Amino acid sequence: MEPSNLQQEKTSVRSMLMVVLWPAFLMACVATGIFFSLVDPMELIVLDERLHVHMLGAYTIGFLIFWVLGAFSSWLTALLLQKIS
């Protein structure tokens, strides 16, 4: 592989990461704000067990879950757009 092709591939991967992760981050911020406006983290129950997590821990875990879901959605959209063009 030529050095210019390698550099172009690195740039492509970086730009794809930004196209996927940045919108996912923004949506995770919005989703976390909306979700925890409606749900008290100390009242979360999973599989009939109350979660014993500090409030900041619950916010962090919720944010990361929303970010992963948003990243998956953005990645799937980017993948489908590459298949079309």
PDB file of N, CA and C in Angstrom:
ATOM      1  N   MET A   1       0.844  -1.174   0.000  1.00  0.00           N
ATOM      2  CA  MET A   1       0.000   0.000   0.000  1.00  0.00           C
ATOM      3  C   MET A   1       0.894   1.243   0.000  1.00  0.00           C
ATOM      4  N   GLU A   2       0.586   2.207  -0.811  1.00  0.00           N
ATOM      5  CA  GLU A   2       1.372   3.434  -0.907  1.00  0.00           C
ATOM      6  C   GLU A   2       1.143   4.292   0.337  1.00  0.00           C
ATOM      7  N   PRO A   3       2.130   5.119   0.687  1.00  0.00           N
ATOM      8  CA  PRO A   3       1.966   5.990   1.863  1.00  0.00           C
ATOM      9  C   PRO A   3       0.765   6.919   1.743  1.00  0.00           C
ATOM     10  N   SER A   4       0.485   7.422   0.533  1.00  0.00           N
ATOM     11  CA  SER A   4      -0.654   8.333   0.386  1.00  0.00           C
ATOM     12  C   SER A   4      -1.968   7.597   0.599  1.00  0.00           C
ATOM     13  N   ASN A   5      -2.037   6.341   0.155  1.00  0.00           N
ATOM     14  CA  ASN A   5      -3.251   5.546   0.373  1.00  0.00           C
ATOM     15  C   ASN A   5      -3.438   5.242   1.853  1.00  0.00           C
ATOM     16  N   LEU A   6      -2.336   4.970   2.536  1.00  0.00           N
ATOM     17  CA  LEU A   6      -2.401   4.699   3.969  1.00  0.00           C
ATOM     18  C   LEU A   6      -2.866   5.936   4.732  1.00  0.00           C
ATOM     19  N   GLN A   7      -2.326   7.087   4.364  1.00  0.00           N
ATOM     20  CA  GLN A   7      -2.738   8.347   4.996  1.00  0.00           C
ATOM     21  C   GLN A   7      -4.203   8.630   4.713  1.00  0.00           C
ATOM     22  N   GLN A   8      -4.633   8.373   3.486  1.00  0.00           N
ATOM     23  CA  GLN A   8      -6.031   8.601   3.116  1.00  0.00           C
ATOM     24  C   GLN A   8      -6.952   7.661   3.894  1.00  0.00           C
ATOM     25  N   GLU A   9      -6.514   6.421   4.094  1.00  0.00           N
ATOM     26  CA  GLU A   9      -7.315   5.465   4.856  1.00  0.00           C
ATOM     27  C   GLU A   9      -7.423   5.894   6.319  1.00  0.00           C
ATOM     28  N   LYS A  10      -6.319   6.395   6.916  1.00  0.00           N
ATOM     29  CA  LYS A  10      -6.352   6.877   8.297  1.00  0.00           C
ATOM     30  C   LYS A  10      -7.308   8.057   8.425  1.00  0.00           C
ATOM     31  N   THR A  11      -7.253   8.965   7.450  1.00  0.00           N
ATOM     32  CA  THR A  11      -8.152  10.120   7.465  1.00  0.00           C
ATOM     33  C   THR A  11      -9.594   9.672   7.328  1.00  0.00           C
ATOM     34  N   SER A  12      -9.826   8.670   6.492  1.00  0.00           N
ATOM     35  CA  SER A  12     -11.178   8.161   6.296  1.00  0.00           C
ATOM     36  C   SER A  12     -11.720   7.543   7.588  1.00  0.00           C
ATOM     37  N   VAL A  13     -10.874   6.782   8.283  1.00  0.00           N
ATOM     38  CA  VAL A  13     -11.305   6.161   9.543  1.00  0.00           C
ATOM     39  C   VAL A  13     -11.588   7.237  10.590  1.00  0.00           C
ATOM     40  N   ARG A  14     -10.719   8.240  10.668  1.00  0.00           N
ATOM     41  CA  ARG A  14     -10.927   9.326  11.631  1.00  0.00           C
ATOM     42  C   ARG A  14     -12.214  10.085  11.336  1.00  0.00           C
ATOM     43  N   SER A  15     -12.438  10.391  10.068  1.00  0.00           N
ATOM     44  CA  SER A  15     -13.654  11.131   9.730  1.00  0.00           C
ATOM     45  C   SER A  15     -14.888  10.279   9.989  1.00  0.00           C
ATOM     46  N   MET A  16     -14.807   8.973   9.730  1.00  0.00           N
ATOM     47  CA  MET A  16     -15.939   8.092  10.005  1.00  0.00           C
ATOM     48  C   MET A  16     -16.220   8.039  11.505  1.00  0.00           C
ATOM     49  N   LEU A  17     -15.168   7.989  12.319  1.00  0.00           N
ATOM     50  CA  LEU A  17     -15.363   7.994  13.769  1.00  0.00           C
ATOM     51  C   LEU A  17     -16.057   9.271  14.222  1.00  0.00           C
ATOM     52  N   MET A  18     -15.651  10.401  13.676  1.00  0.00           N
ATOM     53  CA  MET A  18     -16.285  11.672  14.059  1.00  0.00           C
ATOM     54  C   MET A  18     -17.724  11.738  13.566  1.00  0.00           C
ATOM     55  N   VAL A  19     -17.976  11.229  12.369  1.00  0.00           N
ATOM     56  CA  VAL A  19     -19.342  11.230  11.833  1.00  0.00           C
ATOM     57  C   VAL A  19     -20.247  10.353  12.685  1.00  0.00           C
ATOM     58  N   VAL A  20     -19.697   9.304  13.264  1.00  0.00           N
ATOM     59  CA  VAL A  20     -20.497   8.387  14.086  1.00  0.00           C
ATOM     60  C   VAL A  20     -20.570   8.864  15.540  1.00  0.00           C
ATOM     61  N   LEU A  21     -19.443   9.216  16.137  1.00  0.00           N
ATOM     62  CA  LEU A  21     -19.406   9.476  17.572  1.00  0.00           C
ATOM     63  C   LEU A  21     -19.938  10.854  17.978  1.00  0.00           C
ATOM     64  N   TRP A  22     -19.733  11.870  17.153  1.00  0.00           N
ATOM     65  CA  TRP A  22     -20.184  13.209  17.544  1.00  0.00           C
ATOM     66  C   TRP A  22     -21.708  13.306  17.626  1.00  0.00           C
ATOM     67  N   PRO A  23     -22.473  12.890  16.592  1.00  0.00           N
ATOM     68  CA  PRO A  23     -23.930  12.938  16.749  1.00  0.00           C
ATOM     69  C   PRO A  23     -24.430  12.036  17.880  1.00  0.00           C
ATOM     70  N   ALA A  24     -23.750  10.897  18.068  1.00  0.00           N
ATOM     71  CA  ALA A  24     -24.140   9.999  19.158  1.00  0.00           C
ATOM     72  C   ALA A  24     -23.928  10.679  20.511  1.00  0.00           C
ATOM     73  N   PHE A  25     -22.834  11.413  20.661  1.00  0.00           N
ATOM     74  CA  PHE A  25     -22.560  12.139  21.895  1.00  0.00           C
ATOM     75  C   PHE A  25     -23.631  13.195  22.155  1.00  0.00           C
ATOM     76  N   LEU A  26     -23.964  13.965  21.125  1.00  0.00           N
ATOM     77  CA  LEU A  26     -24.979  15.005  21.291  1.00  0.00           C
ATOM     78  C   LEU A  26     -26.335  14.410  21.671  1.00  0.00           C
ATOM     79  N   MET A  27     -26.715  13.326  21.024  1.00  0.00           N
ATOM     80  CA  MET A  27     -27.997  12.699  21.340  1.00  0.00           C
ATOM     81  C   MET A  27     -27.973  12.052  22.722  1.00  0.00           C
ATOM     82  N   ALA A  28     -26.823  11.547  23.141  1.00  0.00           N
ATOM     83  CA  ALA A  28     -26.714  10.989  24.494  1.00  0.00           C
ATOM     84  C   ALA A  28     -26.909  12.086  25.535  1.00  0.00           C
ATOM     85  N   CYS A  29     -26.390  13.276  25.250  1.00  0.00           N
ATOM     86  CA  CYS A  29     -26.607  14.412  26.167  1.00  0.00           C
ATOM     87  C   CYS A  29     -28.092  14.730  26.286  1.00  0.00           C
ATOM     88  N   VAL A  30     -28.766  14.802  25.161  1.00  0.00           N
ATOM     89  CA  VAL A  30     -30.200  15.123  25.151  1.00  0.00           C
ATOM     90  C   VAL A  30     -30.997  14.000  25.816  1.00  0.00           C
ATOM     91  N   ALA A  31     -30.712  12.751  25.433  1.00  0.00           N
ATOM     92  CA  ALA A  31     -31.459  11.614  25.975  1.00  0.00           C
ATOM     93  C   ALA A  31     -31.265  11.487  27.486  1.00  0.00           C
ATOM     94  N   THR A  32     -30.044  11.705  27.958  1.00  0.00           N
ATOM     95  CA  THR A  32     -29.781  11.634  29.396  1.00  0.00           C
ATOM     96  C   THR A  32     -30.548  12.718  30.132  1.00  0.00           C
ATOM     97  N   GLY A  33     -30.529  13.921  29.572  1.00  0.00           N
ATOM     98  CA  GLY A  33     -31.269  15.021  30.201  1.00  0.00           C
ATOM     99  C   GLY A  33     -32.755  14.747  30.287  1.00  0.00           C
ATOM    100  N   ILE A  34     -33.326  14.257  29.192  1.00  0.00           N
ATOM    101  CA  ILE A  34     -34.766  13.972  29.186  1.00  0.00           C
ATOM    102  C   ILE A  34     -35.090  12.799  30.096  1.00  0.00           C
ATOM    103  N   PHE A  35     -34.325  11.709  29.988  1.00  0.00           N
ATOM    104  CA  PHE A  35     -34.614  10.515  30.775  1.00  0.00           C
ATOM    105  C   PHE A  35     -34.537  10.794  32.270  1.00  0.00           C
ATOM    106  N   PHE A  36     -33.470  11.455  32.705  1.00  0.00           N
ATOM    107  CA  PHE A  36     -33.307  11.682  34.139  1.00  0.00           C
ATOM    108  C   PHE A  36     -34.115  12.876  34.634  1.00  0.00           C
ATOM    109  N   SER A  37     -34.761  13.607  33.735  1.00  0.00           N
ATOM    110  CA  SER A  37     -35.749  14.603  34.160  1.00  0.00           C
ATOM    111  C   SER A  37     -37.038  13.909  34.575  1.00  0.00           C
ATOM    112  N   LEU A  38     -37.282  12.768  33.956  1.00  0.00           N
ATOM    113  CA  LEU A  38     -38.519  12.035  34.213  1.00  0.00           C
ATOM    114  C   LEU A  38     -38.351  10.903  35.226  1.00  0.00           C
ATOM    115  N   VAL A  39     -37.128  10.383  35.370  1.00  0.00           N
ATOM    116  CA  VAL A  39     -36.887   9.219  36.222  1.00  0.00           C
ATOM    117  C   VAL A  39     -35.837   9.574  37.270  1.00  0.00           C
ATOM    118  N   ASP A  40     -36.155   9.293  38.524  1.00  0.00           N
ATOM    119  CA  ASP A  40     -35.199   9.501  39.611  1.00  0.00           C
ATOM    120  C   ASP A  40     -34.217   8.326  39.617  1.00  0.00           C
ATOM    121  N   PRO A  41     -32.917   8.596  39.532  1.00  0.00           N
ATOM    122  CA  PRO A  41     -31.947   7.493  39.494  1.00  0.00           C
ATOM    123  C   PRO A  41     -31.986   6.607  40.738  1.00  0.00           C
ATOM    124  N   MET A  42     -32.432   7.138  41.853  1.00  0.00           N
ATOM    125  CA  MET A  42     -32.503   6.329  43.063  1.00  0.00           C
ATOM    126  C   MET A  42     -33.720   5.391  43.069  1.00  0.00           C
ATOM    127  N   GLU A  43     -34.621   5.575  42.116  1.00  0.00           N
ATOM    128  CA  GLU A  43     -35.810   4.737  42.027  1.00  0.00           C
ATOM    129  C   GLU A  43     -35.721   3.694  40.907  1.00  0.00           C
ATOM    130  N   LEU A  44     -34.551   3.555  40.275  1.00  0.00           N
ATOM    131  CA  LEU A  44     -34.403   2.608  39.177  1.00  0.00           C
ATOM    132  C   LEU A  44     -34.448   1.175  39.695  1.00  0.00           C
ATOM    133  N   ILE A  45     -35.239   0.360  39.012  1.00  0.00           N
ATOM    134  CA  ILE A  45     -35.367  -1.052  39.363  1.00  0.00           C
ATOM    135  C   ILE A  45     -35.097  -1.868  38.110  1.00  0.00           C
ATOM    136  N   VAL A  46     -34.147  -2.810  38.204  1.00  0.00           N
ATOM    137  CA  VAL A  46     -33.799  -3.674  37.084  1.00  0.00           C
ATOM    138  C   VAL A  46     -33.975  -5.112  37.544  1.00  0.00           C
ATOM    139  N   LEU A  47     -34.786  -5.871  36.812  1.00  0.00           N
ATOM    140  CA  LEU A  47     -35.045  -7.277  37.138  1.00  0.00           C
ATOM    141  C   LEU A  47     -35.507  -7.437  38.589  1.00  0.00           C
ATOM    142  N   ASP A  48     -36.457  -6.629  38.968  1.00  0.00           N
ATOM    143  CA  ASP A  48     -37.064  -6.656  40.301  1.00  0.00           C
ATOM    144  C   ASP A  48     -36.082  -6.368  41.440  1.00  0.00           C
ATOM    145  N   GLU A  49     -34.967  -5.765  41.133  1.00  0.00           N
ATOM    146  CA  GLU A  49     -33.983  -5.391  42.154  1.00  0.00           C
ATOM    147  C   GLU A  49     -33.705  -3.900  42.042  1.00  0.00           C
ATOM    148  N   ARG A  50     -33.749  -3.218  43.176  1.00  0.00           N
ATOM    149  CA  ARG A  50     -33.409  -1.792  43.190  1.00  0.00           C
ATOM    150  C   ARG A  50     -31.897  -1.660  43.000  1.00  0.00           C
ATOM    151  N   LEU A  51     -31.516  -0.746  42.120  1.00  0.00           N
ATOM    152  CA  LEU A  51     -30.095  -0.514  41.882  1.00  0.00           C
ATOM    153  C   LEU A  51     -29.505   0.288  43.038  1.00  0.00           C
ATOM    154  N   HIS A  52     -28.414  -0.193  43.571  1.00  0.00           N
ATOM    155  CA  HIS A  52     -27.733   0.507  44.653  1.00  0.00           C
ATOM    156  C   HIS A  52     -26.496   1.183  44.082  1.00  0.00           C
ATOM    157  N   VAL A  53     -26.746   2.278  43.359  1.00  0.00           N
ATOM    158  CA  VAL A  53     -25.683   3.026  42.692  1.00  0.00           C
ATOM    159  C   VAL A  53     -25.799   4.472  43.122  1.00  0.00           C
ATOM    160  N   HIS A  54     -24.670   5.122  43.300  1.00  0.00           N
ATOM    161  CA  HIS A  54     -24.662   6.543  43.603  1.00  0.00           C
ATOM    162  C   HIS A  54     -25.318   7.294  42.438  1.00  0.00           C
ATOM    163  N   MET A  55     -25.922   8.440  42.716  1.00  0.00           N
ATOM    164  CA  MET A  55     -26.627   9.192  41.667  1.00  0.00           C
ATOM    165  C   MET A  55     -25.705   9.524  40.496  1.00  0.00           C
ATOM    166  N   LEU A  56     -24.487   9.966  40.785  1.00  0.00           N
ATOM    167  CA  LEU A  56     -23.555  10.301  39.711  1.00  0.00           C
ATOM    168  C   LEU A  56     -23.208   9.061  38.887  1.00  0.00           C
ATOM    169  N   GLY A  57     -23.105   7.924  39.545  1.00  0.00           N
ATOM    170  CA  GLY A  57     -22.856   6.672  38.842  1.00  0.00           C
ATOM    171  C   GLY A  57     -24.011   6.305  37.913  1.00  0.00           C
ATOM    172  N   ALA A  58     -25.233   6.520  38.384  1.00  0.00           N
ATOM    173  CA  ALA A  58     -26.405   6.232  37.556  1.00  0.00           C
ATOM    174  C   ALA A  58     -26.441   7.147  36.341  1.00  0.00           C
ATOM    175  N   TYR A  59     -26.122   8.431  36.540  1.00  0.00           N
ATOM    176  CA  TYR A  59     -26.082   9.366  35.408  1.00  0.00           C
ATOM    177  C   TYR A  59     -25.012   8.948  34.403  1.00  0.00           C
ATOM    178  N   THR A  60     -23.853   8.533  34.902  1.00  0.00           N
ATOM    179  CA  THR A  60     -22.753   8.140  34.028  1.00  0.00           C
ATOM    180  C   THR A  60     -23.105   6.886  33.235  1.00  0.00           C
ATOM    181  N   ILE A  61     -23.632   5.890  33.915  1.00  0.00           N
ATOM    182  CA  ILE A  61     -24.008   4.651  33.245  1.00  0.00           C
ATOM    183  C   ILE A  61     -25.105   4.915  32.211  1.00  0.00           C
ATOM    184  N   GLY A  62     -26.089   5.719  32.583  1.00  0.00           N
ATOM    185  CA  GLY A  62     -27.153   6.065  31.641  1.00  0.00           C
ATOM    186  C   GLY A  62     -26.617   6.783  30.422  1.00  0.00           C
ATOM    187  N   PHE A  63     -25.708   7.759  30.649  1.00  0.00           N
ATOM    188  CA  PHE A  63     -25.121   8.488  29.532  1.00  0.00           C
ATOM    189  C   PHE A  63     -24.364   7.550  28.601  1.00  0.00           C
ATOM    190  N   LEU A  64     -23.564   6.653  29.170  1.00  0.00           N
ATOM    191  CA  LEU A  64     -22.789   5.732  28.347  1.00  0.00           C
ATOM    192  C   LEU A  64     -23.688   4.778  27.553  1.00  0.00           C
ATOM    193  N   ILE A  65     -24.770   4.330  28.172  1.00  0.00           N
ATOM    194  CA  ILE A  65     -25.713   3.458  27.449  1.00  0.00           C
ATOM    195  C   ILE A  65     -26.349   4.217  26.299  1.00  0.00           C
ATOM    196  N   PHE A  66     -26.778   5.454  26.551  1.00  0.00           N
ATOM    197  CA  PHE A  66     -27.367   6.248  25.472  1.00  0.00           C
ATOM    198  C   PHE A  66     -26.338   6.539  24.383  1.00  0.00           C
ATOM    199  N   TRP A  67     -25.087   6.748  24.759  1.00  0.00           N
ATOM    200  CA  TRP A  67     -24.050   7.029  23.773  1.00  0.00           C
ATOM    201  C   TRP A  67     -23.787   5.802  22.899  1.00  0.00           C
ATOM    202  N   VAL A  68     -23.748   4.627  23.510  1.00  0.00           N
ATOM    203  CA  VAL A  68     -23.540   3.398  22.737  1.00  0.00           C
ATOM    204  C   VAL A  68     -24.714   3.175  21.779  1.00  0.00           C
ATOM    205  N   LEU A  69     -25.930   3.381  22.245  1.00  0.00           N
ATOM    206  CA  LEU A  69     -27.088   3.222  21.363  1.00  0.00           C
ATOM    207  C   LEU A  69     -27.057   4.228  20.216  1.00  0.00           C
ATOM    208  N   GLY A  70     -26.690   5.463  20.524  1.00  0.00           N
ATOM    209  CA  GLY A  70     -26.588   6.481  19.473  1.00  0.00           C
ATOM    210  C   GLY A  70     -25.464   6.182  18.496  1.00  0.00           C
ATOM    211  N   ALA A  71     -24.334   5.684  18.998  1.00  0.00           N
ATOM    212  CA  ALA A  71     -23.213   5.337  18.121  1.00  0.00           C
ATOM    213  C   ALA A  71     -23.595   4.188  17.198  1.00  0.00           C
ATOM    214  N   PHE A  72     -24.303   3.206  17.723  1.00  0.00           N
ATOM    215  CA  PHE A  72     -24.748   2.094  16.885  1.00  0.00           C
ATOM    216  C   PHE A  72     -25.681   2.591  15.789  1.00  0.00           C
ATOM    217  N   SER A  73     -26.599   3.460  16.157  1.00  0.00           N
ATOM    218  CA  SER A  73     -27.529   4.012  15.178  1.00  0.00           C
ATOM    219  C   SER A  73     -26.797   4.830  14.119  1.00  0.00           C
ATOM    220  N   SER A  74     -25.862   5.673  14.528  1.00  0.00           N
ATOM    221  CA  SER A  74     -25.095   6.483  13.576  1.00  0.00           C
ATOM    222  C   SER A  74     -24.215   5.618  12.687  1.00  0.00           C
ATOM    223  N   TRP A  75     -23.598   4.598  13.279  1.00  0.00           N
ATOM    224  CA  TRP A  75     -22.752   3.693  12.506  1.00  0.00           C
ATOM    225  C   TRP A  75     -23.572   2.956  11.452  1.00  0.00           C
ATOM    226  N   LEU A  76     -24.752   2.494  11.840  1.00  0.00           N
ATOM    227  CA  LEU A  76     -25.609   1.787  10.895  1.00  0.00           C
ATOM    228  C   LEU A  76     -26.033   2.707   9.752  1.00  0.00           C
ATOM    229  N   THR A  77     -26.351   3.952  10.061  1.00  0.00           N
ATOM    230  CA  THR A  77     -26.706   4.918   9.028  1.00  0.00           C
ATOM    231  C   THR A  77     -25.532   5.172   8.091  1.00  0.00           C
ATOM    232  N   ALA A  78     -24.335   5.370   8.638  1.00  0.00           N
ATOM    233  CA  ALA A  78     -23.145   5.589   7.813  1.00  0.00           C
ATOM    234  C   ALA A  78     -22.850   4.380   6.942  1.00  0.00           C
ATOM    235  N   LEU A  79     -23.013   3.184   7.493  1.00  0.00           N
ATOM    236  CA  LEU A  79     -22.783   1.970   6.730  1.00  0.00           C
ATOM    237  C   LEU A  79     -23.766   1.860   5.561  1.00  0.00           C
ATOM    238  N   LEU A  80     -25.020   2.141   5.828  1.00  0.00           N
ATOM    239  CA  LEU A  80     -26.021   2.072   4.758  1.00  0.00           C
ATOM    240  C   LEU A  80     -25.773   3.134   3.687  1.00  0.00           C
ATOM    241  N   LEU A  81     -25.329   4.318   4.095  1.00  0.00           N
ATOM    242  CA  LEU A  81     -25.029   5.357   3.111  1.00  0.00           C
ATOM    243  C   LEU A  81     -23.835   4.973   2.236  1.00  0.00           C
ATOM    244  N   GLN A  82     -22.858   4.260   2.783  1.00  0.00           N
ATOM    245  CA  GLN A  82     -21.730   3.820   1.977  1.00  0.00           C
ATOM    246  C   GLN A  82     -22.166   2.767   0.971  1.00  0.00           C
ATOM    247  N   LYS A  83     -23.095   1.912   1.353  1.00  0.00           N
ATOM    248  CA  LYS A  83     -23.588   0.879   0.449  1.00  0.00           C
ATOM    249  C   LYS A  83     -24.357   1.466  -0.719  1.00  0.00           C
ATOM    250  N   ILE A  84     -25.054   2.580  -0.482  1.00  0.00           N
ATOM    251  CA  ILE A  84     -25.857   3.223  -1.521  1.00  0.00           C
ATOM    252  C   ILE A  84     -24.963   3.909  -2.537  1.00  0.00           C
ATOM    253  N   SER A  85     -23.934   4.601  -2.075  1.00  0.00           N
ATOM    254  CA  SER A  85     -23.102   5.388  -3.003  1.00  0.00           C
ATOM    255  C   SER A  85     -21.922   4.619  -3.527  1.00  0.00           C
TER     256      SER A  85
END
